[in-house]
C-alpha atoms as a PDB file:
ATOM      1  CA  UNK A   1      80.264 -41.673  54.397  1.00  0.00           C
ATOM      2  CA  UNK A   2      83.083 -42.381  55.984  1.00  0.00           C
ATOM      3  CA  UNK A   3      84.324 -38.786  56.396  1.00  0.00           C
ATOM      4  CA  UNK A   4      83.198 -35.903  57.805  1.00  0.00           C
ATOM      5  CA  UNK A   5      81.889 -32.447  55.514  1.00  0.00           C
ATOM      6  CA  UNK A   6      80.727 -29.732  57.469  1.00  0.00           C
ATOM      7  CA  UNK A   7      77.229 -28.421  55.497  1.00  0.00           C
ATOM      8  CA  UNK A   8      78.984 -25.497  53.735  1.00  0.00           C
ATOM      9  CA  UNK A   9      81.533 -27.485  52.168  1.00  0.00           C
ATOM     10  CA  UNK A  10      80.912 -28.606  48.234  1.00  0.00           C
ATOM     11  CA  UNK A  11      82.840 -32.328  47.554  1.00  0.00           C
ATOM     12  CA  UNK A  12      82.080 -32.711  43.928  1.00  0.00           C
ATOM     13  CA  UNK A  13      80.768 -35.854  42.719  1.00  0.00           C
ATOM     14  CA  UNK A  14      83.502 -38.506  41.838  1.00  0.00           C
ATOM     15  CA  UNK A  15      85.986 -37.039  44.687  1.00  0.00           C
ATOM     16  CA  UNK A  16      88.036 -39.932  46.409  1.00  0.00           C
ATOM     17  CA  UNK A  17      88.191 -39.070  50.102  1.00  0.00           C
ATOM     18  CA  UNK A  18      89.219 -41.358  52.946  1.00  0.00           C
ATOM     19  CA  UNK A  19      88.013 -42.473  56.073  1.00  0.00           C
ATOM     20  CA  UNK A  20      88.353 -40.316  59.036  1.00  0.00           C
ATOM     21  CA  UNK A  21      89.572 -37.344  57.039  1.00  0.00           C
ATOM     22  CA  UNK A  22      87.661 -33.880  57.756  1.00  0.00           C
ATOM     23  CA  UNK A  23      86.443 -31.195  55.885  1.00  0.00           C
ATOM     24  CA  UNK A  24      85.679 -27.776  57.356  1.00  0.00           C
ATOM     25  CA  UNK A  25      83.823 -24.407  56.423  1.00  0.00           C
ATOM     26  CA  UNK A  26      83.741 -23.343  53.190  1.00  0.00           C
ATOM     27  CA  UNK A  27      85.897 -25.932  51.628  1.00  0.00           C
ATOM     28  CA  UNK A  28      85.598 -27.298  47.884  1.00  0.00           C
ATOM     29  CA  UNK A  29      86.752 -30.532  46.788  1.00  0.00           C
ATOM     30  CA  UNK A  30      87.039 -30.966  43.039  1.00  0.00           C
ATOM     31  CA  UNK A  31      85.789 -34.282  40.979  1.00  0.00           C
ATOM     32  CA  UNK A  32      89.370 -35.548  40.229  1.00  0.00           C
ATOM     33  CA  UNK A  33      90.700 -34.787  43.630  1.00  0.00           C
ATOM     34  CA  UNK A  34      92.185 -37.888  45.559  1.00  0.00           C
ATOM     35  CA  UNK A  35      92.311 -37.190  49.663  1.00  0.00           C
ATOM     36  CA  UNK A  36      93.566 -39.745  51.629  1.00  0.00           C
ATOM     37  CA  UNK A  37      92.934 -40.956  55.463  1.00  0.00           C
ATOM     38  CA  UNK A  38      92.546 -39.064  58.658  1.00  0.00           C
ATOM     39  CA  UNK A  39      93.280 -35.595  56.866  1.00  0.00           C
ATOM     40  CA  UNK A  40      92.029 -32.408  58.038  1.00  0.00           C
ATOM     41  CA  UNK A  41      91.244 -29.454  55.583  1.00  0.00           C
ATOM     42  CA  UNK A  42      90.341 -26.072  57.349  1.00  0.00           C
ATOM     43  CA  UNK A  43      87.836 -23.250  56.253  1.00  0.00           C
ATOM     44  CA  UNK A  44      88.108 -22.230  52.952  1.00  0.00           C
ATOM     45  CA  UNK A  45      90.367 -24.778  51.880  1.00  0.00           C
ATOM     46  CA  UNK A  46      90.325 -25.816  47.497  1.00  0.00           C
ATOM     47  CA  UNK A  47      91.379 -28.877  45.764  1.00  0.00           C
ATOM     48  CA  UNK A  48      91.513 -28.685  42.424  1.00  0.00           C
ATOM     49  CA  UNK A  49      91.348 -31.976  39.751  1.00  0.00           C
ATOM     50  CA  UNK A  50      94.196 -34.317  39.559  1.00  0.00           C
ATOM     51  CA  UNK A  51      95.442 -33.457  43.300  1.00  0.00           C
ATOM     52  CA  UNK A  52      96.569 -36.485  45.384  1.00  0.00           C
ATOM     53  CA  UNK A  53      96.736 -35.997  49.155  1.00  0.00           C
ATOM     54  CA  UNK A  54      98.106 -38.626  51.336  1.00  0.00           C
ATOM     55  CA  UNK A  55      97.186 -39.807  54.339  1.00  0.00           C
ATOM     56  CA  UNK A  56      97.449 -37.735  57.771  1.00  0.00           C
ATOM     57  CA  UNK A  57      97.345 -34.559  55.367  1.00  0.00           C
ATOM     58  CA  UNK A  58      96.912 -31.096  57.574  1.00  0.00           C
ATOM     59  CA  UNK A  59      96.131 -28.117  55.728  1.00  0.00           C
ATOM     60  CA  UNK A  60      95.213 -25.359  57.406  1.00  0.00           C
ATOM     61  CA  UNK A  61      92.629 -22.203  56.310  1.00  0.00           C
ATOM     62  CA  UNK A  62      92.578 -20.402  53.463  1.00  0.00           C
ATOM     63  CA  UNK A  63      95.087 -22.776  51.329  1.00  0.00           C
ATOM     64  CA  UNK A  64      94.026 -23.633  47.815  1.00  0.00           C
ATOM     65  CA  UNK A  65      95.801 -26.714  46.389  1.00  0.00           C
ATOM     66  CA  UNK A  66      95.998 -26.596  42.591  1.00  0.00           C
ATOM     67  CA  UNK A  67      96.432 -29.233  39.736  1.00  0.00           C
ATOM     68  CA  UNK A  68     100.205 -30.363  39.523  1.00  0.00           C
ATOM     69  CA  UNK A  69     100.551 -30.868  43.640  1.00  0.00           C
ATOM     70  CA  UNK A  70     101.261 -34.043  45.011  1.00  0.00           C
ATOM     71  CA  UNK A  71     100.985 -34.261  48.987  1.00  0.00           C
ATOM     72  CA  UNK A  72     102.917 -37.590  50.393  1.00  0.00           C
ATOM     73  CA  UNK A  73     101.338 -38.907  53.798  1.00  0.00           C
ATOM     74  CA  UNK A  74     101.681 -36.337  56.785  1.00  0.00           C
ATOM     75  CA  UNK A  75     102.442 -32.948  55.101  1.00  0.00           C
ATOM     76  CA  UNK A  76     101.229 -29.675  56.982  1.00  0.00           C
ATOM     77  CA  UNK A  77     100.488 -26.484  54.869  1.00  0.00           C
ATOM     78  CA  UNK A  78     100.289 -23.729  57.279  1.00  0.00           C
ATOM     79  CA  UNK A  79      97.607 -21.193  57.054  1.00  0.00           C
ATOM     80  CA  UNK A  80      96.950 -19.216  53.631  1.00  0.00           C
ATOM     81  CA  UNK A  81     100.238 -20.681  52.386  1.00  0.00           C
ATOM     82  CA  UNK A  82     100.227 -20.694  48.450  1.00  0.00           C
ATOM     83  CA  UNK A  83     100.980 -23.043  45.935  1.00  0.00           C
ATOM     84  CA  UNK A  84     101.987 -21.640  42.119  1.00  0.00           C
ATOM     85  CA  UNK A  85     101.052 -24.183  39.391  1.00  0.00           C
ATOM     86  CA  UNK A  86     101.595 -22.173  36.120  1.00  0.00           C
ATOM     87  CA  UNK A  87     105.048 -20.424  35.137  1.00  0.00           C
ATOM     88  CA  UNK A  88     104.015 -17.874  32.701  1.00  0.00           C
ATOM     89  CA  UNK A  89     100.568 -17.220  33.802  1.00  0.00           C
ATOM     90  CA  UNK A  90      98.964 -14.321  31.463  1.00  0.00           C
ATOM     91  CA  UNK A  91      95.045 -13.244  31.972  1.00  0.00           C
ATOM     92  CA  UNK A  92      94.657 -12.766  27.940  1.00  0.00           C
ATOM     93  CA  UNK A  93      96.096 -16.156  27.173  1.00  0.00           C
ATOM     94  CA  UNK A  94      94.821 -18.507  29.750  1.00  0.00           C
ATOM     95  CA  UNK A  95      96.536 -21.801  30.918  1.00  0.00           C
ATOM     96  CA  UNK A  96      93.951 -23.676  31.345  1.00  0.00           C
ATOM     97  CA  UNK A  97      95.254 -27.284  30.387  1.00  0.00           C
ATOM     98  CA  UNK A  98      96.740 -29.819  32.365  1.00  0.00           C
ATOM     99  CA  UNK A  99     100.001 -29.719  30.101  1.00  0.00           C
ATOM    100  CA  UNK A 100     100.362 -25.880  31.340  1.00  0.00           C
ATOM    101  CA  UNK A 101     100.544 -26.993  34.680  1.00  0.00           C
ATOM    102  CA  UNK A 102     103.757 -27.596  36.263  1.00  0.00           C
ATOM    103  CA  UNK A 103     104.467 -30.033  39.449  1.00  0.00           C
ATOM    104  CA  UNK A 104     104.894 -29.727  42.867  1.00  0.00           C
ATOM    105  CA  UNK A 105     105.714 -32.506  44.984  1.00  0.00           C
ATOM    106  CA  UNK A 106     105.829 -32.331  48.903  1.00  0.00           C
ATOM    107  CA  UNK A 107     107.246 -35.578  50.257  1.00  0.00           C
ATOM    108  CA  UNK A 108     106.433 -37.110  53.525  1.00  0.00           C
ATOM    109  CA  UNK A 109     106.133 -35.346  56.820  1.00  0.00           C
ATOM    110  CA  UNK A 110     107.184 -31.832  54.967  1.00  0.00           C
ATOM    111  CA  UNK A 111     105.771 -28.272  56.974  1.00  0.00           C
ATOM    112  CA  UNK A 112     105.124 -25.128  55.112  1.00  0.00           C
ATOM    113  CA  UNK A 113     104.572 -22.278  57.307  1.00  0.00           C
ATOM    114  CA  UNK A 114     101.835 -19.783  57.114  1.00  0.00           C
ATOM    115  CA  UNK A 115     102.145 -17.381  54.558  1.00  0.00           C
ATOM    116  CA  UNK A 116     105.057 -19.064  52.038  1.00  0.00           C
ATOM    117  CA  UNK A 117     104.732 -19.458  48.868  1.00  0.00           C
ATOM    118  CA  UNK A 118     105.962 -23.057  46.394  1.00  0.00           C
ATOM    119  CA  UNK A 119     106.769 -22.195  43.209  1.00  0.00           C
ATOM    120  CA  UNK A 120     105.830 -24.485  40.709  1.00  0.00           C
ATOM    121  CA  UNK A 121     108.551 -27.356  39.245  1.00  0.00           C
ATOM    122  CA  UNK A 122     110.279 -27.844  42.922  1.00  0.00           C
ATOM    123  CA  UNK A 123     110.197 -30.662  45.116  1.00  0.00           C
ATOM    124  CA  UNK A 124     109.863 -30.475  49.073  1.00  0.00           C
ATOM    125  CA  UNK A 125     112.260 -33.601  49.954  1.00  0.00           C
ATOM    126  CA  UNK A 126     111.039 -35.665  53.418  1.00  0.00           C
ATOM    127  CA  UNK A 127     110.556 -33.661  56.703  1.00  0.00           C
ATOM    128  CA  UNK A 128     111.742 -30.225  55.162  1.00  0.00           C
ATOM    129  CA  UNK A 129     110.631 -26.896  56.858  1.00  0.00           C
ATOM    130  CA  UNK A 130     109.806 -24.166  54.981  1.00  0.00           C
ATOM    131  CA  UNK A 131     109.639 -20.443  57.398  1.00  0.00           C
ATOM    132  CA  UNK A 132     106.540 -19.023  57.437  1.00  0.00           C
ATOM    133  CA  UNK A 133     106.380 -16.046  54.541  1.00  0.00           C
ATOM    134  CA  UNK A 134     109.251 -17.564  53.006  1.00  0.00           C
ATOM    135  CA  UNK A 135     109.512 -18.144  48.947  1.00  0.00           C
ATOM    136  CA  UNK A 136     110.522 -21.538  47.827  1.00  0.00           C
ATOM    137  CA  UNK A 137     111.837 -21.067  44.080  1.00  0.00           C
ATOM    138  CA  UNK A 138     113.904 -24.421  44.078  1.00  0.00           C
ATOM    139  CA  UNK A 139     114.270 -27.931  45.865  1.00  0.00           C
ATOM    140  CA  UNK A 140     114.511 -28.219  49.346  1.00  0.00           C
ATOM    141  CA  UNK A 141     116.595 -31.107  50.954  1.00  0.00           C
ATOM    142  CA  UNK A 142     115.107 -33.804  53.402  1.00  0.00           C
ATOM    143  CA  UNK A 143     115.519 -32.199  56.682  1.00  0.00           C
ATOM    144  CA  UNK A 144     116.714 -28.792  55.752  1.00  0.00           C
ATOM    145  CA  UNK A 145     114.584 -25.497  57.636  1.00  0.00           C
ATOM    146  CA  UNK A 146     114.681 -22.912  55.012  1.00  0.00           C
ATOM    147  CA  UNK A 147     113.518 -19.259  55.024  1.00  0.00           C
ATOM    148  CA  UNK A 148     113.669 -15.886  53.435  1.00  0.00           C
ATOM    149  CA  UNK A 149     112.952 -14.726  49.822  1.00  0.00           C
ATOM    150  CA  UNK A 150     114.010 -16.647  47.967  1.00  0.00           C
ATOM    151  CA  UNK A 151     114.343 -19.756  50.913  1.00  0.00           C
ATOM    152  CA  UNK A 152     117.555 -20.653  51.730  1.00  0.00           C
ATOM    153  CA  UNK A 153     118.881 -23.048  53.943  1.00  0.00           C
ATOM    154  CA  UNK A 154     119.398 -22.000  57.741  1.00  0.00           C
ATOM    155  CA  UNK A 155     119.552 -25.425  59.476  1.00  0.00           C
ATOM    156  CA  UNK A 156     118.247 -28.948  59.750  1.00  0.00           C
ATOM    157  CA  UNK A 157     115.305 -30.272  61.536  1.00  0.00           C
ATOM    158  CA  UNK A 158     114.155 -33.981  62.786  1.00  0.00           C
ATOM    159  CA  UNK A 159     111.360 -35.445  61.271  1.00  0.00           C
ATOM    160  CA  UNK A 160     110.047 -35.341  65.176  1.00  0.00           C
ATOM    161  CA  UNK A 161     111.122 -31.282  65.101  1.00  0.00           C
ATOM    162  CA  UNK A 162     113.984 -30.927  66.525  1.00  0.00           C
ATOM    163  CA  UNK A 163     116.656 -28.800  65.211  1.00  0.00           C
ATOM    164  CA  UNK A 164     119.911 -30.454  64.580  1.00  0.00           C
ATOM    165  CA  UNK A 165     123.198 -29.145  65.705  1.00  0.00           C
ATOM    166  CA  UNK A 166     126.064 -30.615  63.183  1.00  0.00           C
ATOM    167  CA  UNK A 167     128.252 -27.918  64.630  1.00  0.00           C
ATOM    168  CA  UNK A 168     130.035 -30.656  67.025  1.00  0.00           C
ATOM    169  CA  UNK A 169     129.876 -33.902  64.946  1.00  0.00           C
ATOM    170  CA  UNK A 170     128.331 -34.710  61.575  1.00  0.00           C
ATOM    171  CA  UNK A 171     126.224 -37.302  63.634  1.00  0.00           C
ATOM    172  CA  UNK A 172     123.495 -35.938  65.369  1.00  0.00           C
ATOM    173  CA  UNK A 173     120.544 -38.042  67.815  1.00  0.00           C
ATOM    174  CA  UNK A 174     116.613 -36.259  68.237  1.00  0.00           C
ATOM    175  CA  UNK A 175     114.861 -36.684  71.477  1.00  0.00           C
ATOM    176  CA  UNK A 176     113.235 -39.643  70.196  1.00  0.00           C
ATOM    177  CA  UNK A 177     116.287 -41.476  69.912  1.00  0.00           C
ATOM    178  CA  UNK A 178     116.237 -41.173  65.903  1.00  0.00           C
ATOM    179  CA  UNK A 179     120.264 -40.521  64.507  1.00  0.00           C
ATOM    180  CA  UNK A 180     121.075 -37.948  61.478  1.00  0.00           C
ATOM    181  CA  UNK A 181     123.843 -38.075  59.490  1.00  0.00           C
ATOM    182  CA  UNK A 182     125.523 -34.925  57.587  1.00  0.00           C
ATOM    183  CA  UNK A 183     127.240 -35.920  54.389  1.00  0.00           C
ATOM    184  CA  UNK A 184     127.285 -32.545  52.311  1.00  0.00           C
ATOM    185  CA  UNK A 185     126.523 -29.170  52.687  1.00  0.00           C
ATOM    186  CA  UNK A 186     122.756 -29.670  50.971  1.00  0.00           C
ATOM    187  CA  UNK A 187     122.534 -33.608  52.599  1.00  0.00           C
ATOM    188  CA  UNK A 188     121.258 -34.921  55.880  1.00  0.00           C
ATOM    189  CA  UNK A 189     120.270 -38.778  55.855  1.00  0.00           C
ATOM    190  CA  UNK A 190     118.038 -40.472  58.950  1.00  0.00           C
ATOM    191  CA  UNK A 191     120.080 -43.347  60.041  1.00  0.00           C
ATOM    192  CA  UNK A 192     117.866 -44.816  62.339  1.00  0.00           C
END
């Protein structure tokens, strides 16, 4: 086995787990889940069938990654954050097939804070940053910082994690020498 699994974790037969991934206490990985290399799944994480998780992803304690969720490389999921996957859940009329599930795409390097909720059908673009406790009901642009209920853009952040201040110029360099340009009220591009 090329990954670490705590003795209390359950990895169903058929799950694909990449080299160097660490699966901690009381996790459950379903049979059709695909998890990349060098990931870390904290205590009590659930990964459903047909979930795709890239390389270098960190999922903190008490997170359920339901069917329909795709996490690209280097995504961070804070403790107890929530992904939903059904738009109209009803106990009396269960939604139990893949056709009932929406999609959530979290692109490379995005971070989701503790206790945030991501509603099905949205995309968090590259480097997006969701504040703790936010409720995301629509797409989040690349490098945007969103907060609140519902979540709104409150600023911009580099891939490294520096706040980007566009008040003096439409072009800003972060502490690592990467250049970002604001090209509209809802769009920032990384140039270098």
